[in-house]
Structure formats: C-alpha cells, structure tokens
Amino acid sequence: QVQLVESGGGLVQAGGSLRLSCAASGRTFSNYAMGWFRQAPGKERDFVAAISRTGGSTGYADSVKERFTISRDNAKNTVYLQMNSLKPEDTAVYYCAASRDRYYGGTQLHGYDLWGQGTQVTVSA
C-alpha cells in the first residue's frame, strides 16, 4: 500500500511561485496514476492536475492551465506540482492522490484510491 506525504506549501505573495512535492512510500509508485486536488474553506475538493503512470499524459483544470505544471520522478517516488503566477484564488489545502487501477486517474475524486494529508497554500494579494 502506497502512503502519500505532501510538502512545499506555504505563504506567498500574488505572482509568486511554489513547488509542491508528494512523496510516496513503497516500491510500486510507477504503478499509480497521480493527481493533485485542492479544497478552499467552505468549498468542495476540486481537481487541479493529473499525470499518468509514465508521465506521458497530463491534464489540468482550466483555472490553472499555463500556470501550473505536474510532473513525476518514478525513481524518486515523487510527484510535483510547480505553481507559477499564483493568485489569491489559488489559496487552498492541496492534496496529492493516487489511482491504483488506472493508467490515468482523470479529473474526478472517485478515480483515486489514496490521499495524502494535504498541505496549505496561501496566496496574499
């Protein structure tokens, strides 16, 4: 069973950048499609980005396209989310997710089996 631990969140000014990391335990990381979701206070958890098992396919929410980049390093059991040109509306808890049964996890919560504990990202105006 893979366990996920996010890091890299923090406070940043609008226009700044952050890189989130999600480290996975276990030896089968490359068998999992990965995704990032976020949840702002009082709102539902929303899709941010996804990447296939090999990294060959990626997808993004319209709100983060051209600003965020998802990537993975299977040798390091880690998936990343590079966030540039951050906006106050990007403020949320960001969650890493893993899909055990799919090559590409997709945009829906139910496509993922495992979740990290989340990391807070706060963007000030």
C-alpha atoms as a PDB file:
ATOM      1  CA  GLN A   1       0.000   0.000   0.000  1.00  0.00           C
ATOM      2  CA  VAL A   2       1.389   3.377  -1.015  1.00  0.00           C
ATOM      3  CA  GLN A   3       1.285   6.208   1.501  1.00  0.00           C
ATOM      4  CA  LEU A   4       1.445   9.817   0.351  1.00  0.00           C
ATOM      5  CA  VAL A   5       3.036  12.793   2.113  1.00  0.00           C
ATOM      6  CA  GLU A   6       2.780  16.303   0.663  1.00  0.00           C
ATOM      7  CA  SER A   7       5.200  19.138   1.328  1.00  0.00           C
ATOM      8  CA  GLY A   8       6.135  22.527  -0.042  1.00  0.00           C
ATOM      9  CA  GLY A   9       3.099  24.570   0.879  1.00  0.00           C
ATOM     10  CA  GLY A  10       3.332  27.974   2.498  1.00  0.00           C
ATOM     11  CA  LEU A  11       2.546  31.662   2.251  1.00  0.00           C
ATOM     12  CA  VAL A  12       3.435  33.516  -0.946  1.00  0.00           C
ATOM     13  CA  GLN A  13       2.524  36.837  -2.489  1.00  0.00           C
ATOM     14  CA  ALA A  14       0.389  37.039  -5.604  1.00  0.00           C
ATOM     15  CA  GLY A  15       2.510  36.496  -8.678  1.00  0.00           C
ATOM     16  CA  GLY A  16       4.919  34.252  -6.807  1.00  0.00           C
ATOM     17  CA  SER A  17       5.717  30.562  -7.186  1.00  0.00           C
ATOM     18  CA  LEU A  18       5.699  27.421  -5.092  1.00  0.00           C
ATOM     19  CA  ARG A  19       6.567  23.811  -5.825  1.00  0.00           C
ATOM     20  CA  LEU A  20       4.613  21.121  -4.056  1.00  0.00           C
ATOM     21  CA  SER A  21       6.017  17.634  -3.647  1.00  0.00           C
ATOM     22  CA  CYS A  22       4.249  14.398  -2.855  1.00  0.00           C
ATOM     23  CA  ALA A  23       6.472  11.581  -1.684  1.00  0.00           C
ATOM     24  CA  ALA A  24       5.130   8.056  -1.890  1.00  0.00           C
ATOM     25  CA  SER A  25       6.252   5.115   0.168  1.00  0.00           C
ATOM     26  CA  GLY A  26       6.501   1.624  -1.269  1.00  0.00           C
ATOM     27  CA  ARG A  27       8.102   0.121  -4.329  1.00  0.00           C
ATOM     28  CA  THR A  28       5.177   0.294  -6.738  1.00  0.00           C
ATOM     29  CA  PHE A  29       4.872   4.042  -7.259  1.00  0.00           C
ATOM     30  CA  SER A  30       5.181   3.687 -11.024  1.00  0.00           C
ATOM     31  CA  ASN A  31       2.000   1.572 -11.000  1.00  0.00           C
ATOM     32  CA  TYR A  32      -0.073   4.524  -9.810  1.00  0.00           C
ATOM     33  CA  ALA A  33      -1.542   7.372 -11.768  1.00  0.00           C
ATOM     34  CA  MET A  34      -1.281  10.551  -9.711  1.00  0.00           C
ATOM     35  CA  GLY A  35      -3.259  13.723  -9.263  1.00  0.00           C
ATOM     36  CA  TRP A  36      -3.474  16.963  -7.343  1.00  0.00           C
ATOM     37  CA  PHE A  37      -6.698  18.376  -5.929  1.00  0.00           C
ATOM     38  CA  ARG A  38      -7.405  21.401  -3.775  1.00  0.00           C
ATOM     39  CA  GLN A  39     -10.021  22.463  -1.285  1.00  0.00           C
ATOM     40  CA  ALA A  40     -10.687  26.024  -0.201  1.00  0.00           C
ATOM     41  CA  PRO A  41     -12.583  26.751   3.044  1.00  0.00           C
ATOM     42  CA  GLY A  42     -16.283  26.045   2.664  1.00  0.00           C
ATOM     43  CA  LYS A  43     -15.851  24.624  -0.835  1.00  0.00           C
ATOM     44  CA  GLU A  44     -15.691  21.205  -2.411  1.00  0.00           C
ATOM     45  CA  ARG A  45     -12.453  19.473  -3.263  1.00  0.00           C
ATOM     46  CA  ASP A  46     -11.607  20.312  -6.868  1.00  0.00           C
ATOM     47  CA  PHE A  47      -9.363  18.788  -9.493  1.00  0.00           C
ATOM     48  CA  VAL A  48      -6.124  20.640 -10.249  1.00  0.00           C
ATOM     49  CA  ALA A  49      -3.886  18.371 -12.333  1.00  0.00           C
ATOM     50  CA  ALA A  50      -3.260  14.737 -13.192  1.00  0.00           C
ATOM     51  CA  ILE A  51      -0.438  12.674 -14.634  1.00  0.00           C
ATOM     52  CA  SER A  52      -0.339   9.142 -15.987  1.00  0.00           C
ATOM     53  CA  ARG A  53       1.787   6.314 -14.631  1.00  0.00           C
ATOM     54  CA  THR A  54       4.645   7.009 -17.011  1.00  0.00           C
ATOM     55  CA  GLY A  55       4.225  10.775 -17.102  1.00  0.00           C
ATOM     56  CA  GLY A  56       3.339  10.709 -20.777  1.00  0.00           C
ATOM     57  CA  SER A  57      -0.141  12.156 -20.273  1.00  0.00           C
ATOM     58  CA  THR A  58      -1.109  15.158 -18.199  1.00  0.00           C
ATOM     59  CA  GLY A  59      -4.257  17.182 -17.652  1.00  0.00           C
ATOM     60  CA  TYR A  60      -5.151  20.441 -15.942  1.00  0.00           C
ATOM     61  CA  ALA A  61      -8.126  22.346 -14.668  1.00  0.00           C
ATOM     62  CA  ASP A  62      -8.865  25.366 -16.854  1.00  0.00           C
ATOM     63  CA  SER A  63      -8.177  27.674 -13.911  1.00  0.00           C
ATOM     64  CA  VAL A  64      -4.539  26.578 -13.652  1.00  0.00           C
ATOM     65  CA  LYS A  65      -3.586  25.895 -17.277  1.00  0.00           C
ATOM     66  CA  GLU A  66      -0.445  27.730 -18.394  1.00  0.00           C
ATOM     67  CA  ARG A  67       0.422  28.441 -14.736  1.00  0.00           C
ATOM     68  CA  PHE A  68       0.787  25.031 -13.085  1.00  0.00           C
ATOM     69  CA  THR A  69       2.847  22.044 -14.209  1.00  0.00           C
ATOM     70  CA  ILE A  70       2.555  18.498 -12.891  1.00  0.00           C
ATOM     71  CA  SER A  71       5.484  16.120 -13.201  1.00  0.00           C
ATOM     72  CA  ARG A  72       6.752  12.931 -11.622  1.00  0.00           C
ATOM     73  CA  ASP A  73      10.040  11.197 -10.953  1.00  0.00           C
ATOM     74  CA  ASN A  74       9.369   7.481 -10.601  1.00  0.00           C
ATOM     75  CA  ALA A  75      12.942   6.829  -9.491  1.00  0.00           C
ATOM     76  CA  LYS A  76      12.331   9.141  -6.518  1.00  0.00           C
ATOM     77  CA  ASN A  77       8.731   8.039  -5.898  1.00  0.00           C
ATOM     78  CA  THR A  78       7.667  11.667  -6.080  1.00  0.00           C
ATOM     79  CA  VAL A  79       5.126  13.750  -7.943  1.00  0.00           C
ATOM     80  CA  TYR A  80       5.450  17.525  -8.169  1.00  0.00           C
ATOM     81  CA  LEU A  81       3.202  20.485  -8.788  1.00  0.00           C
ATOM     82  CA  GLN A  82       5.027  23.607  -9.942  1.00  0.00           C
ATOM     83  CA  MET A  83       2.779  26.597  -9.379  1.00  0.00           C
ATOM     84  CA  ASN A  84       3.647  29.914 -11.022  1.00  0.00           C
ATOM     85  CA  SER A  85       1.853  33.251 -11.243  1.00  0.00           C
ATOM     86  CA  LEU A  86      -0.104  32.404  -8.128  1.00  0.00           C
ATOM     87  CA  LYS A  87      -3.341  34.226  -7.419  1.00  0.00           C
ATOM     88  CA  PRO A  88      -5.256  34.723  -4.151  1.00  0.00           C
ATOM     89  CA  GLU A  89      -7.942  32.382  -5.504  1.00  0.00           C
ATOM     90  CA  ASP A  90      -5.358  29.581  -5.541  1.00  0.00           C
ATOM     91  CA  THR A  91      -5.434  29.620  -1.736  1.00  0.00           C
ATOM     92  CA  ALA A  92      -6.465  26.160  -0.548  1.00  0.00           C
ATOM     93  CA  VAL A  93      -5.300  22.940   1.006  1.00  0.00           C
ATOM     94  CA  TYR A  94      -3.664  20.923  -1.755  1.00  0.00           C
ATOM     95  CA  TYR A  95      -3.988  17.145  -1.753  1.00  0.00           C
ATOM     96  CA  CYS A  96      -1.996  14.530  -3.578  1.00  0.00           C
ATOM     97  CA  ALA A  97      -3.931  11.480  -4.797  1.00  0.00           C
ATOM     98  CA  ALA A  98      -3.048   8.107  -6.286  1.00  0.00           C
ATOM     99  CA  SER A  99      -5.042   5.855  -8.577  1.00  0.00           C
ATOM    100  CA  ARG A 100      -4.179   2.199  -8.302  1.00  0.00           C
ATOM    101  CA  ASP A 101      -6.289   0.790 -11.093  1.00  0.00           C
ATOM    102  CA  ARG A 102      -5.967   3.341 -13.868  1.00  0.00           C
ATOM    103  CA  TYR A 103      -3.193   4.366 -16.236  1.00  0.00           C
ATOM    104  CA  TYR A 104      -4.535   7.928 -15.941  1.00  0.00           C
ATOM    105  CA  GLY A 105      -6.621   8.901 -12.930  1.00  0.00           C
ATOM    106  CA  GLY A 106      -8.655  11.654 -14.537  1.00  0.00           C
ATOM    107  CA  THR A 107     -10.406  14.665 -13.066  1.00  0.00           C
ATOM    108  CA  GLN A 108     -12.903  13.051 -10.696  1.00  0.00           C
ATOM    109  CA  LEU A 109     -12.413  12.335  -7.000  1.00  0.00           C
ATOM    110  CA  HIS A 110     -13.685   8.775  -7.382  1.00  0.00           C
ATOM    111  CA  GLY A 111     -10.875   7.986  -9.797  1.00  0.00           C
ATOM    112  CA  TYR A 112      -8.403   7.947  -6.921  1.00  0.00           C
ATOM    113  CA  ASP A 113      -7.924   5.440  -4.136  1.00  0.00           C
ATOM    114  CA  LEU A 114      -5.313   7.005  -1.880  1.00  0.00           C
ATOM    115  CA  TRP A 115      -4.927  10.512  -0.489  1.00  0.00           C
ATOM    116  CA  GLY A 116      -2.296  12.484   1.353  1.00  0.00           C
ATOM    117  CA  GLN A 117      -2.964  14.643   4.385  1.00  0.00           C
ATOM    118  CA  GLY A 118      -2.769  17.907   2.450  1.00  0.00           C
ATOM    119  CA  THR A 119      -0.547  20.966   2.508  1.00  0.00           C
ATOM    120  CA  GLN A 120      -1.755  24.544   2.922  1.00  0.00           C
ATOM    121  CA  VAL A 121      -1.072  27.095   0.202  1.00  0.00           C
ATOM    122  CA  THR A 122      -1.925  30.710   0.997  1.00  0.00           C
ATOM    123  CA  VAL A 123      -1.546  33.450  -1.595  1.00  0.00           C
ATOM    124  CA  SER A 124      -1.744  37.014  -0.334  1.00  0.00           C
ATOM    125  CA  ALA A 125      -2.935  39.889  -2.504  1.00  0.00           C
END
